Protein backbone atom coordinates (compact mmCIF):
# COMPACT_ATOMS: atom_id res chain seq x y z
CA MET A 1 87.36 116.98 103.33
CA ARG A 2 87.61 113.92 105.69
CA THR A 3 89.72 114.07 108.71
CA PRO A 4 92.88 112.04 108.10
CA GLU A 5 93.31 109.04 110.40
CA LEU A 6 96.48 107.05 111.27
CA THR A 7 96.05 103.55 109.92
CA GLY A 8 98.06 100.21 109.80
CA VAL A 9 99.85 100.87 113.10
CA GLY A 10 102.67 98.58 113.56
CA TRP A 11 106.01 97.71 114.90
CA LEU A 12 109.34 96.86 113.12
CA GLY A 13 110.85 93.80 114.59
CA PRO A 14 109.90 90.42 115.89
CA ARG A 15 106.21 90.25 117.16
CA ILE A 16 107.01 88.03 119.94
CA GLU A 17 109.75 90.24 121.15
CA MET A 18 108.56 93.74 121.62
CA ASP A 19 111.84 94.63 123.22
CA SER A 20 113.76 93.88 119.80
CA ALA A 21 111.27 96.19 118.01
CA SER A 22 112.92 99.48 117.05
CA HIS A 23 110.38 101.56 115.34
CA CYS A 24 106.55 102.13 115.33
CA PHE A 25 104.90 103.18 112.19
CA GLY A 26 101.65 104.00 110.53
CA LYS A 27 100.11 105.49 107.31
CA CYS A 28 98.08 108.57 106.78
CA SER A 29 94.53 107.61 105.55
CA GLU A 30 94.19 110.77 103.37
CA CYS A 31 97.83 110.93 101.56
CA GLN A 32 99.24 107.39 102.30
CA GLU A 33 102.29 108.95 103.69
CA ILE A 34 104.05 106.74 106.23
CA ILE A 35 104.77 108.11 109.64
CA CYS A 36 107.57 106.29 111.52
CA VAL A 37 109.12 106.99 114.99
CA GLU A 38 112.02 105.35 116.92
CA LYS A 39 111.34 103.49 119.96
CA VAL A 40 111.24 105.76 122.91
CA VAL A 41 113.72 105.19 125.69
CA THR A 42 111.92 105.11 129.04
CA ASP A 43 112.60 104.23 132.73
CA SER A 44 110.67 101.08 132.65
CA GLN A 45 110.79 97.89 130.28
CA ASN A 46 107.50 98.70 128.73
CA THR A 47 108.21 101.28 125.97
CA GLN A 48 105.13 100.69 123.97
CA PRO A 49 102.84 103.24 125.42
CA LYS A 50 105.19 106.21 125.11
CA THR A 51 106.34 105.24 121.65
CA THR A 52 102.81 104.97 120.55
CA GLU A 53 102.00 108.49 122.14
CA MET A 54 104.99 109.84 120.25
CA LEU A 55 103.67 108.35 116.89
CA TYR A 56 100.21 110.01 117.33
CA LYS A 57 101.81 113.26 118.24
CA VAL A 58 103.98 113.26 115.14
CA PHE A 59 100.73 112.24 113.15
CA ARG A 60 98.80 115.15 114.47
CA THR A 61 101.83 117.49 113.55
CA HIS A 62 101.61 115.90 110.04
CA VAL A 63 97.92 116.45 109.86
CA THR A 64 98.43 120.14 110.92
CA LEU A 65 101.00 120.79 108.34
CA LYS A 66 99.77 118.90 105.30
CA HIS A 67 96.02 118.61 105.74
CA SER A 68 94.70 121.63 107.68
CA ALA A 69 92.71 124.19 105.51
CA GLU A 70 94.65 127.09 107.16
CA MET A 71 97.96 125.72 105.98
CA ASN A 72 96.70 124.92 102.56
CA GLN A 73 95.52 128.61 102.18
CA SER A 74 98.78 129.88 103.39
CA ALA A 75 100.67 127.56 100.96
CA ALA A 76 98.46 128.72 97.92
CA ARG A 77 99.12 132.57 99.00
CA ILE A 78 102.81 131.75 99.02
CA VAL A 79 102.67 130.21 95.69
CA ARG A 80 100.56 132.93 94.11
CA GLU A 81 103.12 135.35 95.41
CA ALA A 82 106.07 133.57 94.35
CA THR A 83 104.83 133.11 90.80
CA LYS A 84 103.50 136.70 90.14
CA GLU A 85 105.11 138.32 87.29
CA LYS A 86 107.14 141.30 88.31
């Protein structure tokens, strides 16, 4: 299995006015799920680094929950137990 990557990262809002952008988004290369975060509020005018950092943090969580072998094995075990005939 390939390691999923965050692709197509972009901002919602006018390209020339980053202050007007409200969300940052990207797509998982493995499952095509879109990951989106709201623009982070910071003490400075430049919110882009913190917002991008938050997007990648959320993406890493997505990969852990949806694409890790350990989580897939746990999910398979739960399904097996839930579908056992009693």
